[in-house]
Protein backbone atom coordinates (compact mmCIF):
# COMPACT_ATOMS: atom_id res chain seq x y z
CA MET A 1 20.33 -7.59 -20.19
CA THR A 2 17.03 -7.91 -21.71
CA ASP A 3 15.19 -4.50 -22.68
CA GLU A 4 12.76 -5.81 -19.60
CA THR A 5 15.12 -5.88 -17.01
CA LYS A 6 17.24 -2.94 -18.44
CA GLY A 7 16.43 0.19 -16.61
CA LYS A 8 15.98 3.61 -18.11
CA VAL A 9 18.72 6.25 -18.25
CA LEU A 10 17.63 9.88 -16.89
CA TYR A 11 20.54 12.41 -16.41
CA GLY A 12 23.09 9.72 -16.25
CA VAL A 13 21.48 7.45 -13.46
CA GLU A 14 19.86 4.01 -14.67
CA LEU A 15 16.65 3.63 -13.29
CA LYS A 16 15.58 0.08 -12.99
CA PRO A 17 12.08 -1.00 -13.49
CA ARG A 18 9.84 -1.29 -10.55
CA LEU A 19 8.72 -4.89 -9.23
CA MET A 20 4.98 -4.50 -8.14
CA ILE A 21 5.01 -6.37 -4.87
CA LYS A 22 1.09 -6.82 -3.48
CA PRO A 23 0.45 -8.55 -0.14
CA LYS A 24 -2.04 -11.43 -0.35
CA ALA A 25 -5.32 -10.30 0.52
CA ALA A 26 -7.04 -12.54 3.18
CA PRO A 27 -10.76 -12.79 3.16
CA ILE A 28 -12.75 -10.90 5.75
CA ASP A 29 -15.59 -12.50 7.36
CA TRP A 30 -17.67 -9.80 8.45
CA LEU A 31 -20.58 -12.02 9.94
CA THR A 32 -18.62 -13.11 12.65
CA PRO A 33 -17.54 -11.01 16.00
CA GLU A 34 -14.15 -12.11 15.58
CA GLY A 35 -13.96 -11.17 11.55
CA LYS A 36 -15.56 -7.73 12.44
CA ALA A 37 -13.08 -6.89 15.22
CA ASP A 38 -10.02 -7.73 13.24
CA ALA A 39 -11.52 -5.62 10.24
CA LEU A 40 -12.09 -2.68 12.52
CA ARG A 41 -9.03 -2.85 14.30
CA THR A 42 -6.89 -2.86 11.09
CA ILE A 43 -8.93 0.15 9.79
CA ARG A 44 -8.15 1.98 13.28
CA GLU A 45 -4.24 1.19 13.03
CA VAL A 46 -4.27 2.42 9.19
CA ILE A 47 -6.16 5.76 10.30
CA ALA A 48 -3.82 6.05 13.15
CA THR A 49 -0.80 5.28 10.87
CA HIS A 50 -1.96 7.94 8.11
CA ARG A 51 -3.61 10.58 10.43
CA ASP A 52 -1.45 13.53 9.17
CA VAL A 53 -2.03 12.61 5.57
CA LEU A 54 -5.47 12.40 5.93
CA LYS A 55 -5.82 15.61 7.98
CA ALA A 56 -4.03 17.31 5.00
CA LEU A 57 -6.25 15.62 2.42
CA ALA A 58 -9.25 17.02 4.40
CA LYS A 59 -7.95 20.68 4.37
CA ARG A 60 -7.40 20.75 0.62
């Protein structure tokens, strides 16, 4: 193994390097009603999924 693929050993456990995987960003067309509706729907889904985290951050 090379140094790039070899992980770090911590407390006897080899930690492999993380792979950074980014989703492909799709362009959003805010000017059309369909694009605006898609963006707002996505925003609502994210807020609903992370509601507990957002509330906890608001109370900090």
